[in-house]
């Protein structure tokens, strides 16, 4: 099962505020500029959906907040993208 983590990054002298999204396996990552027209949770959701699209994943995501303000997005079991692993003997 794959997980997407989204994280807010504040503005710097060179870049505006943004949201990054990263897959649990580390295979995918992207950043989106902060959209001031929507709320925080919708910004996190937009980043997660953009990463899903980049990875050619589809399915229903369920998101929740972590203690430090990030969000973690998991997929419903019936639509979860899987990482294939070698069988061990």
Protein backbone atom coordinates (compact mmCIF):
# COMPACT_ATOMS: atom_id res chain seq x y z
CA UNK A 1 0.00 0.00 0.00
CA UNK A 2 1.20 3.48 -0.83
CA UNK A 3 0.82 6.57 1.35
CA UNK A 4 1.15 10.20 0.32
CA UNK A 5 2.39 12.74 2.86
CA UNK A 6 1.75 16.44 2.25
CA UNK A 7 3.63 19.21 4.03
CA UNK A 8 3.35 23.00 4.13
CA UNK A 9 6.49 25.07 3.45
CA UNK A 10 6.41 28.75 4.33
CA UNK A 11 7.59 31.52 2.04
CA UNK A 12 11.27 32.39 1.80
CA UNK A 13 13.06 35.37 0.26
CA UNK A 14 13.09 33.49 -3.07
CA UNK A 15 9.93 31.35 -3.13
CA UNK A 16 6.33 31.71 -2.12
CA UNK A 17 4.52 29.34 0.25
CA UNK A 18 4.01 25.84 -1.13
CA UNK A 19 2.84 22.33 -0.38
CA UNK A 20 5.02 19.30 -1.07
CA UNK A 21 3.68 15.80 -1.60
CA UNK A 22 5.82 12.67 -1.26
CA UNK A 23 5.05 8.97 -1.72
CA UNK A 24 5.87 6.57 1.08
CA UNK A 25 8.25 4.64 -1.14
CA UNK A 26 10.09 7.81 -2.14
CA UNK A 27 9.45 7.23 -5.86
CA UNK A 28 7.43 10.41 -6.33
CA UNK A 29 7.62 13.98 -5.10
CA UNK A 30 6.29 17.33 -6.23
CA UNK A 31 5.57 20.81 -4.92
CA UNK A 32 2.64 23.11 -5.67
CA UNK A 33 2.38 26.79 -4.95
CA UNK A 34 -0.01 27.69 -2.12
CA UNK A 35 -3.45 28.65 -3.42
CA UNK A 36 -4.71 31.48 -1.19
CA UNK A 37 -8.22 31.07 -2.62
CA UNK A 38 -8.75 27.74 -0.83
CA UNK A 39 -8.24 26.55 2.73
CA UNK A 40 -5.31 24.58 4.11
CA UNK A 41 -6.92 21.14 3.84
CA UNK A 42 -7.89 21.77 0.21
CA UNK A 43 -4.29 22.83 -0.57
CA UNK A 44 -3.02 19.57 0.93
CA UNK A 45 -5.64 17.61 -1.03
CA UNK A 46 -4.70 19.35 -4.29
CA UNK A 47 -1.04 18.39 -3.80
CA UNK A 48 -1.96 14.76 -3.03
CA UNK A 49 -4.19 14.57 -6.14
CA UNK A 50 -1.47 16.13 -8.31
CA UNK A 51 1.03 13.52 -7.13
CA UNK A 52 -1.51 10.75 -7.73
CA UNK A 53 -1.89 12.01 -11.29
CA UNK A 54 1.88 12.22 -11.79
CA UNK A 55 2.23 8.61 -10.59
CA UNK A 56 -0.75 7.48 -12.77
CA UNK A 57 -2.58 6.30 -9.66
CA UNK A 58 -6.31 6.41 -9.23
CA UNK A 59 -8.68 5.61 -6.43
CA UNK A 60 -10.25 7.14 -3.37
CA UNK A 61 -7.99 8.86 -0.84
CA UNK A 62 -8.71 9.45 2.81
CA UNK A 63 -6.66 12.16 4.53
CA UNK A 64 -5.87 12.97 8.11
CA UNK A 65 -3.76 15.47 10.00
CA UNK A 66 -0.62 14.60 11.90
CA UNK A 67 0.51 16.21 15.14
CA UNK A 68 2.89 18.59 13.36
CA UNK A 69 0.36 19.88 10.80
CA UNK A 70 1.27 17.66 7.86
CA UNK A 71 -1.35 15.43 6.29
CA UNK A 72 -1.18 11.75 5.44
CA UNK A 73 -3.31 10.34 2.62
CA UNK A 74 -4.14 6.66 2.36
CA UNK A 75 -6.09 4.82 -0.31
CA UNK A 76 -9.23 2.79 0.18
CA UNK A 77 -8.19 -0.87 0.13
CA UNK A 78 -10.06 -1.72 -3.06
CA UNK A 79 -8.23 0.99 -5.00
CA UNK A 80 -4.80 1.02 -3.36
CA UNK A 81 -1.74 1.17 -5.62
CA UNK A 82 0.67 -1.51 -4.50
CA UNK A 83 4.41 -1.84 -4.56
CA UNK A 84 5.42 -5.21 -5.90
CA UNK A 85 7.97 -6.93 -3.73
CA UNK A 86 10.10 -9.95 -4.36
CA UNK A 87 8.96 -13.08 -2.61
CA UNK A 88 11.29 -14.25 0.10
CA UNK A 89 11.93 -17.89 0.82
